[in-house]
């Protein structure tokens, strides 16, 4: 197995009304799932291939809850990536070179029925972790924005989650 690691910021947005019910033992708000996940790699490697500064976007949809499968997806990889970097990112994001169930990408890959050919485009990602907001854009293909939502029923912004003084 090829050794790899990533340090990155990620913005994920789905079509559900609040949160991501599929991750919390509930059904999707509208009966199906549509999601966009953008990742901005700070530092990374796949074997000897450096992935620093690259970006990728997954566009996914399932006809029902994610765990029931039948999903369809495509990847957009940073057009600035060379062939080795493209292959590395496609391997990682398709769940390869890892133990079964060890990464979210491996888990999601098991739910896909159809994977479309990847695209290689400019990716605009801005993620402000402290402000809890950001965006992912691929011109003409996909656009997603994230920001804090008001607490349901209160009309106020949710309190910022506690951030431990030490990262694990």
N, C-alpha and C. Protein backbone atom coordinates (compact mmCIF):
# COMPACT_ATOMS: atom_id res chain seq x y z
N UNK A 1 0.85 -1.17 0.00
CA UNK A 1 0.00 0.00 0.00
C UNK A 1 0.90 1.24 0.00
N UNK A 2 0.55 2.22 -0.80
CA UNK A 2 1.30 3.47 -0.87
C UNK A 2 0.95 4.34 0.34
N UNK A 3 1.97 4.85 1.00
CA UNK A 3 1.77 5.71 2.15
C UNK A 3 1.41 7.12 1.66
N UNK A 4 0.39 7.73 2.30
CA UNK A 4 0.00 9.08 1.92
C UNK A 4 -0.57 9.82 3.12
N UNK A 5 -0.57 11.15 3.03
CA UNK A 5 -1.18 11.99 4.08
C UNK A 5 -1.53 13.34 3.49
N UNK A 6 -2.56 13.94 4.09
CA UNK A 6 -3.02 15.26 3.68
C UNK A 6 -3.27 16.12 4.91
N UNK A 7 -2.91 17.39 4.83
CA UNK A 7 -3.35 18.39 5.79
C UNK A 7 -4.08 19.43 4.95
N UNK A 8 -5.37 19.60 5.21
CA UNK A 8 -6.18 20.42 4.32
C UNK A 8 -7.36 21.04 5.04
N UNK A 9 -7.93 22.06 4.41
CA UNK A 9 -9.21 22.60 4.83
C UNK A 9 -10.26 22.05 3.87
N UNK A 10 -11.45 21.79 4.39
CA UNK A 10 -12.51 21.22 3.58
C UNK A 10 -13.82 21.95 3.85
N UNK A 11 -14.58 22.19 2.80
CA UNK A 11 -15.91 22.75 2.92
C UNK A 11 -16.86 21.76 2.25
N UNK A 12 -17.86 21.31 3.00
CA UNK A 12 -18.84 20.36 2.47
C UNK A 12 -20.22 20.98 2.65
N UNK A 13 -21.01 20.88 1.60
CA UNK A 13 -22.36 21.42 1.63
C UNK A 13 -23.30 20.39 1.03
N UNK A 14 -24.42 20.16 1.71
CA UNK A 14 -25.41 19.23 1.16
C UNK A 14 -26.77 19.93 1.06
N UNK A 15 -27.73 19.25 0.46
CA UNK A 15 -29.03 19.86 0.20
C UNK A 15 -29.99 19.77 1.39
N UNK A 16 -29.60 19.19 2.47
CA UNK A 16 -30.52 19.03 3.60
C UNK A 16 -30.76 20.36 4.32
N UNK A 17 -31.87 20.41 5.04
CA UNK A 17 -32.29 21.64 5.70
C UNK A 17 -31.35 22.06 6.82
N UNK A 18 -30.83 21.14 7.59
CA UNK A 18 -29.99 21.49 8.73
C UNK A 18 -29.02 20.35 9.00
N UNK A 19 -27.75 20.66 9.02
CA UNK A 19 -26.76 19.64 9.28
C UNK A 19 -26.72 18.61 8.16
N UNK A 20 -26.32 17.44 8.48
CA UNK A 20 -26.25 16.34 7.52
C UNK A 20 -26.88 15.12 8.17
N UNK A 21 -28.19 14.94 8.01
CA UNK A 21 -28.89 13.86 8.71
C UNK A 21 -28.27 12.48 8.51
N UNK A 22 -27.73 12.20 7.31
CA UNK A 22 -27.15 10.88 7.06
C UNK A 22 -25.99 10.57 8.01
N UNK A 23 -25.34 11.59 8.52
CA UNK A 23 -24.24 11.36 9.45
C UNK A 23 -24.72 11.25 10.90
N UNK A 24 -26.02 11.47 11.11
CA UNK A 24 -26.54 11.46 12.47
C UNK A 24 -27.76 10.56 12.62
N UNK A 25 -27.76 9.45 11.87
CA UNK A 25 -28.79 8.43 12.01
C UNK A 25 -30.19 8.95 11.71
N UNK A 26 -30.31 9.76 10.67
CA UNK A 26 -31.62 10.27 10.23
C UNK A 26 -31.66 10.24 8.70
N UNK A 27 -32.85 10.34 8.16
CA UNK A 27 -33.01 10.33 6.71
C UNK A 27 -32.76 11.73 6.13
N UNK A 28 -32.37 11.81 4.86
CA UNK A 28 -32.17 13.11 4.24
C UNK A 28 -33.48 13.92 4.27
N UNK A 29 -33.35 15.22 4.45
CA UNK A 29 -34.50 16.11 4.56
C UNK A 29 -35.49 15.95 3.42
N UNK A 30 -34.98 15.83 2.19
CA UNK A 30 -35.85 15.77 1.01
C UNK A 30 -35.88 14.38 0.37
N UNK A 31 -35.40 13.37 1.11
CA UNK A 31 -35.45 12.00 0.63
C UNK A 31 -34.24 11.57 -0.19
N UNK A 32 -33.44 12.52 -0.66
CA UNK A 32 -32.24 12.20 -1.43
C UNK A 32 -31.10 13.10 -0.95
N UNK A 33 -29.90 12.81 -1.40
CA UNK A 33 -28.75 13.60 -0.97
C UNK A 33 -28.01 14.13 -2.19
N UNK A 34 -27.67 15.40 -2.13
CA UNK A 34 -26.79 16.05 -3.10
C UNK A 34 -25.74 16.80 -2.29
N UNK A 35 -24.48 16.59 -2.63
CA UNK A 35 -23.42 17.20 -1.83
C UNK A 35 -22.26 17.65 -2.71
N UNK A 36 -21.59 18.69 -2.24
CA UNK A 36 -20.38 19.20 -2.85
C UNK A 36 -19.34 19.27 -1.75
N UNK A 37 -18.15 18.77 -2.03
CA UNK A 37 -17.05 18.84 -1.05
C UNK A 37 -15.82 19.40 -1.75
N UNK A 38 -15.33 20.51 -1.23
CA UNK A 38 -14.12 21.11 -1.77
C UNK A 38 -13.00 20.98 -0.76
N UNK A 39 -11.81 20.68 -1.23
CA UNK A 39 -10.67 20.52 -0.33
C UNK A 39 -9.49 21.33 -0.86
N UNK A 40 -8.88 22.10 0.04
CA UNK A 40 -7.69 22.89 -0.27
C UNK A 40 -6.54 22.31 0.53
N UNK A 41 -5.64 21.68 -0.17
CA UNK A 41 -4.54 20.96 0.49
C UNK A 41 -3.43 21.94 0.87
N UNK A 42 -3.13 21.97 2.16
CA UNK A 42 -2.02 22.80 2.64
C UNK A 42 -0.70 22.07 2.39
N UNK A 43 -0.65 20.84 2.89
CA UNK A 43 0.51 19.98 2.71
C UNK A 43 0.01 18.56 2.47
N UNK A 44 0.69 17.87 1.58
CA UNK A 44 0.30 16.49 1.34
C UNK A 44 1.31 15.77 0.49
N UNK A 45 1.23 14.46 0.57
CA UNK A 45 2.08 13.61 -0.26
C UNK A 45 1.38 12.28 -0.48
N UNK A 46 1.70 11.67 -1.60
CA UNK A 46 1.22 10.35 -1.95
C UNK A 46 2.45 9.60 -2.42
N UNK A 47 3.02 8.79 -1.52
CA UNK A 47 4.33 8.22 -1.81
C UNK A 47 5.32 9.36 -1.95
N UNK A 48 5.97 9.44 -3.11
CA UNK A 48 6.94 10.51 -3.37
C UNK A 48 6.33 11.71 -4.08
N UNK A 49 5.03 11.68 -4.34
CA UNK A 49 4.37 12.76 -5.08
C UNK A 49 3.89 13.83 -4.10
N UNK A 50 4.33 15.06 -4.29
CA UNK A 50 3.94 16.18 -3.44
C UNK A 50 2.59 16.73 -3.91
N UNK A 51 1.70 17.00 -2.95
CA UNK A 51 0.36 17.49 -3.25
C UNK A 51 0.12 18.90 -2.67
N UNK A 52 1.14 19.53 -2.15
CA UNK A 52 1.02 20.85 -1.53
C UNK A 52 0.34 21.86 -2.45
N UNK A 53 -0.64 22.57 -1.90
CA UNK A 53 -1.29 23.67 -2.61
C UNK A 53 -2.35 23.28 -3.63
N UNK A 54 -2.57 21.99 -3.83
CA UNK A 54 -3.57 21.57 -4.82
C UNK A 54 -4.98 21.61 -4.23
N UNK A 55 -5.96 21.57 -5.12
CA UNK A 55 -7.37 21.63 -4.72
C UNK A 55 -8.14 20.55 -5.47
N UNK A 56 -9.25 20.15 -4.88
CA UNK A 56 -10.12 19.16 -5.52
C UNK A 56 -11.55 19.37 -5.05
N UNK A 57 -12.50 18.97 -5.88
CA UNK A 57 -13.91 19.07 -5.56
C UNK A 57 -14.60 17.76 -5.93
N UNK A 58 -15.43 17.27 -5.02
CA UNK A 58 -16.29 16.11 -5.30
C UNK A 58 -17.72 16.62 -5.42
N UNK A 59 -18.41 16.15 -6.45
CA UNK A 59 -19.82 16.46 -6.63
C UNK A 59 -20.54 15.12 -6.59
N UNK A 60 -21.47 14.97 -5.63
CA UNK A 60 -22.06 13.66 -5.37
C UNK A 60 -23.58 13.76 -5.23
N UNK A 61 -24.26 12.68 -5.59
CA UNK A 61 -25.70 12.61 -5.33
C UNK A 61 -26.10 11.15 -5.15
N UNK A 62 -27.07 10.96 -4.27
CA UNK A 62 -27.63 9.65 -3.99
C UNK A 62 -29.15 9.75 -4.08
N UNK A 63 -29.82 8.69 -4.57
CA UNK A 63 -31.28 8.74 -4.72
C UNK A 63 -32.03 8.65 -3.39
N UNK A 64 -31.36 8.27 -2.34
CA UNK A 64 -31.93 8.16 -1.00
C UNK A 64 -30.84 8.44 0.01
N UNK A 65 -30.93 7.86 1.20
CA UNK A 65 -29.86 8.02 2.18
C UNK A 65 -28.54 7.46 1.65
N UNK A 66 -27.45 8.09 2.01
CA UNK A 66 -26.13 7.68 1.53
C UNK A 66 -25.88 6.20 1.77
N UNK A 67 -26.20 5.71 2.94
CA UNK A 67 -25.87 4.32 3.27
C UNK A 67 -26.61 3.29 2.42
N UNK A 68 -27.66 3.71 1.72
CA UNK A 68 -28.37 2.79 0.83
C UNK A 68 -27.71 2.68 -0.53
N UNK A 69 -26.72 3.52 -0.81
CA UNK A 69 -25.96 3.42 -2.05
C UNK A 69 -26.69 3.98 -3.25
N UNK A 70 -26.27 3.51 -4.43
CA UNK A 70 -26.85 4.00 -5.69
C UNK A 70 -26.35 5.37 -6.09
N UNK A 71 -25.25 5.82 -5.47
CA UNK A 71 -24.75 7.16 -5.71
C UNK A 71 -24.04 7.34 -7.03
N UNK A 72 -23.94 8.60 -7.42
CA UNK A 72 -23.23 9.01 -8.63
C UNK A 72 -22.31 10.16 -8.24
N UNK A 73 -21.14 10.21 -8.87
CA UNK A 73 -20.20 11.26 -8.48
C UNK A 73 -19.22 11.57 -9.60
N UNK A 74 -18.67 12.77 -9.51
CA UNK A 74 -17.52 13.10 -10.33
C UNK A 74 -16.58 13.98 -9.52
N UNK A 75 -15.33 13.96 -9.93
CA UNK A 75 -14.28 14.74 -9.28
C UNK A 75 -13.81 15.83 -10.22
N UNK A 76 -13.50 16.97 -9.62
CA UNK A 76 -12.81 18.03 -10.34
C UNK A 76 -11.46 18.17 -9.64
N UNK A 77 -10.41 18.04 -10.40
CA UNK A 77 -9.04 18.14 -9.88
C UNK A 77 -8.42 19.43 -10.41
N UNK A 78 -7.65 20.08 -9.58
CA UNK A 78 -6.92 21.30 -9.92
C UNK A 78 -6.22 21.13 -11.27
N UNK A 79 -6.49 22.02 -12.20
CA UNK A 79 -5.90 21.89 -13.53
C UNK A 79 -4.39 22.10 -13.51
N UNK A 80 -3.86 22.64 -12.42
CA UNK A 80 -2.43 22.85 -12.30
C UNK A 80 -1.68 21.58 -11.86
N UNK A 81 -2.41 20.55 -11.49
CA UNK A 81 -1.78 19.29 -11.06
C UNK A 81 -1.17 18.59 -12.27
N UNK A 82 0.02 18.03 -12.08
CA UNK A 82 0.62 17.25 -13.16
C UNK A 82 0.01 15.84 -13.17
N UNK A 83 0.42 15.02 -14.10
CA UNK A 83 -0.18 13.69 -14.25
C UNK A 83 -0.04 12.85 -12.99
N UNK A 84 1.12 12.85 -12.36
CA UNK A 84 1.32 12.05 -11.15
C UNK A 84 0.43 12.57 -10.02
N UNK A 85 0.31 13.89 -9.88
CA UNK A 85 -0.54 14.47 -8.84
C UNK A 85 -2.01 14.16 -9.11
N UNK A 86 -2.44 14.22 -10.36
CA UNK A 86 -3.82 13.88 -10.71
C UNK A 86 -4.12 12.44 -10.34
N UNK A 87 -3.23 11.55 -10.72
CA UNK A 87 -3.43 10.13 -10.40
C UNK A 87 -3.48 9.91 -8.89
N UNK A 88 -2.61 10.59 -8.17
CA UNK A 88 -2.58 10.44 -6.71
C UNK A 88 -3.89 10.91 -6.09
N UNK A 89 -4.35 12.09 -6.47
CA UNK A 89 -5.60 12.62 -5.90
C UNK A 89 -6.79 11.75 -6.27
N UNK A 90 -6.85 11.28 -7.51
CA UNK A 90 -7.96 10.41 -7.90
C UNK A 90 -7.94 9.09 -7.13
N UNK A 91 -6.76 8.57 -6.84
CA UNK A 91 -6.65 7.35 -6.04
C UNK A 91 -7.16 7.59 -4.62
N UNK A 92 -6.69 8.67 -4.00
CA UNK A 92 -7.11 8.98 -2.63
C UNK A 92 -8.61 9.19 -2.56
N UNK A 93 -9.15 10.03 -3.45
CA UNK A 93 -10.56 10.39 -3.37
C UNK A 93 -11.50 9.31 -3.88
N UNK A 94 -10.95 8.28 -4.50
CA UNK A 94 -11.80 7.14 -4.88
C UNK A 94 -11.69 6.02 -3.85
N UNK A 95 -11.01 6.32 -2.73
CA UNK A 95 -10.93 5.36 -1.64
C UNK A 95 -9.81 4.34 -1.75
N UNK A 96 -8.89 4.55 -2.66
CA UNK A 96 -7.80 3.61 -2.85
C UNK A 96 -6.66 3.82 -1.87
N UNK A 97 -5.78 2.83 -1.82
CA UNK A 97 -4.58 2.86 -0.99
C UNK A 97 -4.88 3.16 0.48
N UNK A 98 -5.91 2.51 0.99
CA UNK A 98 -6.27 2.64 2.40
C UNK A 98 -6.98 1.37 2.86
N UNK A 99 -7.07 1.17 4.13
CA UNK A 99 -7.83 0.06 4.68
C UNK A 99 -9.32 0.32 4.46
N UNK A 100 -10.08 -0.73 4.31
CA UNK A 100 -11.53 -0.59 4.13
C UNK A 100 -12.13 0.17 5.32
N UNK A 101 -12.86 1.24 5.00
CA UNK A 101 -13.53 2.03 6.03
C UNK A 101 -12.64 2.99 6.79
N UNK A 102 -11.36 3.08 6.43
CA UNK A 102 -10.43 3.91 7.20
C UNK A 102 -10.52 5.40 6.87
N UNK A 103 -11.04 5.75 5.70
CA UNK A 103 -11.19 7.15 5.34
C UNK A 103 -12.61 7.40 4.86
N UNK A 104 -13.06 8.63 4.94
CA UNK A 104 -14.39 8.98 4.47
C UNK A 104 -14.50 8.73 2.97
N UNK A 105 -13.39 8.92 2.24
CA UNK A 105 -13.43 8.70 0.80
C UNK A 105 -13.63 7.23 0.48
N UNK A 106 -13.04 6.35 1.26
CA UNK A 106 -13.24 4.91 1.05
C UNK A 106 -14.68 4.53 1.36
N UNK A 107 -15.25 5.10 2.41
CA UNK A 107 -16.63 4.81 2.78
C UNK A 107 -17.58 5.30 1.69
N UNK A 108 -17.42 6.53 1.25
CA UNK A 108 -18.29 7.07 0.19
C UNK A 108 -18.15 6.27 -1.10
N UNK A 109 -16.91 5.90 -1.47
CA UNK A 109 -16.69 5.15 -2.71
C UNK A 109 -17.51 3.86 -2.74
N UNK A 110 -17.70 3.26 -1.58
CA UNK A 110 -18.49 2.02 -1.50
C UNK A 110 -19.97 2.26 -1.78
N UNK A 111 -20.40 3.52 -1.75
CA UNK A 111 -21.82 3.83 -1.97
C UNK A 111 -22.11 4.30 -3.40
N UNK A 112 -21.06 4.42 -4.22
CA UNK A 112 -21.25 4.92 -5.58
C UNK A 112 -21.52 3.78 -6.56
N UNK A 113 -22.52 3.99 -7.38
CA UNK A 113 -22.87 3.07 -8.46
C UNK A 113 -22.22 3.53 -9.77
N UNK A 114 -22.01 4.84 -9.87
CA UNK A 114 -21.49 5.40 -11.11
C UNK A 114 -20.51 6.53 -10.79
N UNK A 115 -19.32 6.43 -11.37
CA UNK A 115 -18.31 7.48 -11.26
C UNK A 115 -18.03 8.01 -12.66
N UNK A 116 -18.26 9.30 -12.84
CA UNK A 116 -18.01 9.91 -14.14
C UNK A 116 -16.53 10.24 -14.28
N UNK A 117 -16.09 10.45 -15.50
CA UNK A 117 -14.70 10.81 -15.74
C UNK A 117 -14.38 12.12 -15.02
N UNK A 118 -13.17 12.22 -14.49
CA UNK A 118 -12.79 13.45 -13.78
C UNK A 118 -12.61 14.62 -14.74
N UNK A 119 -12.74 15.80 -14.18
CA UNK A 119 -12.50 17.03 -14.92
C UNK A 119 -11.28 17.72 -14.31
N UNK A 120 -10.57 18.48 -15.10
CA UNK A 120 -9.38 19.19 -14.65
C UNK A 120 -9.60 20.68 -14.96
N UNK A 121 -9.90 21.44 -13.91
CA UNK A 121 -10.34 22.83 -14.07
C UNK A 121 -9.70 23.72 -13.01
N UNK A 122 -9.85 25.03 -13.18
CA UNK A 122 -9.50 25.98 -12.12
C UNK A 122 -10.53 25.83 -11.00
N UNK A 123 -10.07 25.79 -9.79
CA UNK A 123 -10.94 25.65 -8.63
C UNK A 123 -10.71 26.85 -7.71
N UNK A 124 -11.79 27.53 -7.38
CA UNK A 124 -11.74 28.68 -6.47
C UNK A 124 -12.29 28.21 -5.12
N UNK A 125 -11.41 28.14 -4.14
CA UNK A 125 -11.83 27.75 -2.79
C UNK A 125 -11.30 28.79 -1.81
N UNK A 126 -12.18 29.27 -0.95
CA UNK A 126 -11.77 30.15 0.15
C UNK A 126 -12.47 29.63 1.40
N UNK A 127 -11.70 29.26 2.40
CA UNK A 127 -12.26 28.71 3.63
C UNK A 127 -11.66 29.46 4.81
N UNK A 128 -12.52 30.08 5.61
CA UNK A 128 -12.11 30.76 6.84
C UNK A 128 -12.65 29.92 7.99
N UNK A 129 -11.82 29.06 8.53
CA UNK A 129 -12.24 28.13 9.57
C UNK A 129 -12.72 28.87 10.81
N UNK A 130 -12.00 29.91 11.23
CA UNK A 130 -12.39 30.65 12.43
C UNK A 130 -13.75 31.33 12.28
N UNK A 131 -14.03 31.88 11.10
CA UNK A 131 -15.31 32.55 10.87
C UNK A 131 -16.41 31.56 10.47
N UNK A 132 -16.01 30.31 10.23
CA UNK A 132 -16.96 29.26 9.84
C UNK A 132 -17.67 29.60 8.53
N UNK A 133 -16.91 30.11 7.55
CA UNK A 133 -17.52 30.41 6.27
C UNK A 133 -16.54 30.16 5.14
N UNK A 134 -17.09 30.03 3.95
CA UNK A 134 -16.23 29.82 2.79
C UNK A 134 -17.05 29.56 1.55
N UNK A 135 -16.33 29.30 0.46
CA UNK A 135 -17.00 28.97 -0.79
C UNK A 135 -16.12 28.03 -1.61
N UNK A 136 -16.78 27.32 -2.51
CA UNK A 136 -16.13 26.45 -3.48
C UNK A 136 -16.80 26.76 -4.81
N UNK A 137 -15.99 27.08 -5.84
CA UNK A 137 -16.54 27.41 -7.15
C UNK A 137 -15.69 26.78 -8.25
N UNK A 138 -16.38 26.18 -9.20
CA UNK A 138 -15.77 25.74 -10.44
C UNK A 138 -16.67 26.32 -11.53
N UNK A 139 -16.16 27.31 -12.24
CA UNK A 139 -16.95 28.07 -13.21
C UNK A 139 -17.73 27.15 -14.15
N UNK A 140 -19.03 27.41 -14.23
CA UNK A 140 -19.90 26.68 -15.12
C UNK A 140 -20.29 25.29 -14.67
N UNK A 141 -19.76 24.84 -13.52
CA UNK A 141 -20.04 23.49 -13.05
C UNK A 141 -20.74 23.44 -11.70
N UNK A 142 -20.15 24.10 -10.72
CA UNK A 142 -20.67 23.98 -9.36
C UNK A 142 -20.24 25.17 -8.52
N UNK A 143 -21.11 25.54 -7.57
CA UNK A 143 -20.80 26.61 -6.63
C UNK A 143 -21.49 26.29 -5.32
N UNK A 144 -20.75 26.38 -4.23
CA UNK A 144 -21.31 26.14 -2.90
C UNK A 144 -20.74 27.17 -1.94
N UNK A 145 -21.58 27.60 -1.00
CA UNK A 145 -21.19 28.57 0.01
C UNK A 145 -21.53 27.99 1.38
N UNK A 146 -20.71 28.31 2.36
CA UNK A 146 -20.99 27.87 3.72
C UNK A 146 -20.88 29.04 4.67
N UNK A 147 -21.73 29.07 5.67
CA UNK A 147 -21.72 30.12 6.70
C UNK A 147 -22.49 29.58 7.89
N UNK A 148 -22.30 30.16 9.06
CA UNK A 148 -23.08 29.71 10.22
C UNK A 148 -24.57 29.93 10.00
N UNK A 149 -25.37 28.97 10.37
CA UNK A 149 -26.83 29.11 10.31
C UNK A 149 -27.36 29.52 11.66
N UNK A 150 -28.45 30.27 11.67
CA UNK A 150 -29.09 30.56 12.96
C UNK A 150 -29.56 29.26 13.60
N UNK A 151 -29.62 29.24 14.90
CA UNK A 151 -30.14 28.05 15.56
C UNK A 151 -31.60 27.89 15.18
N UNK A 152 -32.03 26.67 14.88
CA UNK A 152 -33.42 26.47 14.51
C UNK A 152 -34.36 26.98 15.61
N UNK A 153 -35.32 27.79 15.22
CA UNK A 153 -36.33 28.27 16.16
C UNK A 153 -35.92 29.45 17.02
N UNK A 154 -34.67 29.88 16.92
CA UNK A 154 -34.20 30.97 17.78
C UNK A 154 -33.87 32.24 17.01
N UNK A 155 -33.56 32.11 15.73
CA UNK A 155 -33.23 33.29 14.93
C UNK A 155 -31.89 33.90 15.29
N UNK A 156 -31.09 33.21 16.12
CA UNK A 156 -29.76 33.71 16.48
C UNK A 156 -28.71 32.80 15.88
N UNK A 157 -27.54 33.33 15.73
CA UNK A 157 -26.45 32.49 15.25
C UNK A 157 -26.03 31.53 16.35
N UNK A 158 -25.69 30.34 15.93
CA UNK A 158 -25.23 29.33 16.89
C UNK A 158 -23.90 29.79 17.49
N UNK A 159 -23.68 29.43 18.73
CA UNK A 159 -22.42 29.74 19.38
C UNK A 159 -21.30 28.99 18.69
N UNK A 160 -20.13 29.59 18.66
CA UNK A 160 -19.00 28.90 18.05
C UNK A 160 -18.63 27.71 18.92
N UNK A 161 -18.37 26.58 18.28
CA UNK A 161 -18.00 25.40 19.07
C UNK A 161 -16.70 25.64 19.82
N UNK A 162 -16.55 24.96 20.92
CA UNK A 162 -15.33 25.04 21.70
C UNK A 162 -14.19 24.47 20.88
N UNK A 163 -13.08 25.19 20.84
CA UNK A 163 -11.90 24.70 20.15
C UNK A 163 -10.85 24.38 21.19
N UNK A 164 -10.42 23.14 21.25
CA UNK A 164 -9.42 22.78 22.27
C UNK A 164 -8.13 23.58 22.08
N UNK A 165 -7.48 23.86 23.19
CA UNK A 165 -6.23 24.62 23.13
C UNK A 165 -5.16 23.81 22.43
N UNK A 166 -5.26 22.49 22.50
CA UNK A 166 -4.28 21.61 21.89
C UNK A 166 -4.99 20.77 20.84
N UNK A 167 -4.41 20.69 19.65
CA UNK A 167 -5.00 19.86 18.59
C UNK A 167 -4.45 18.44 18.71
N UNK A 168 -5.29 17.50 18.43
CA UNK A 168 -4.90 16.10 18.54
C UNK A 168 -4.60 15.51 17.19
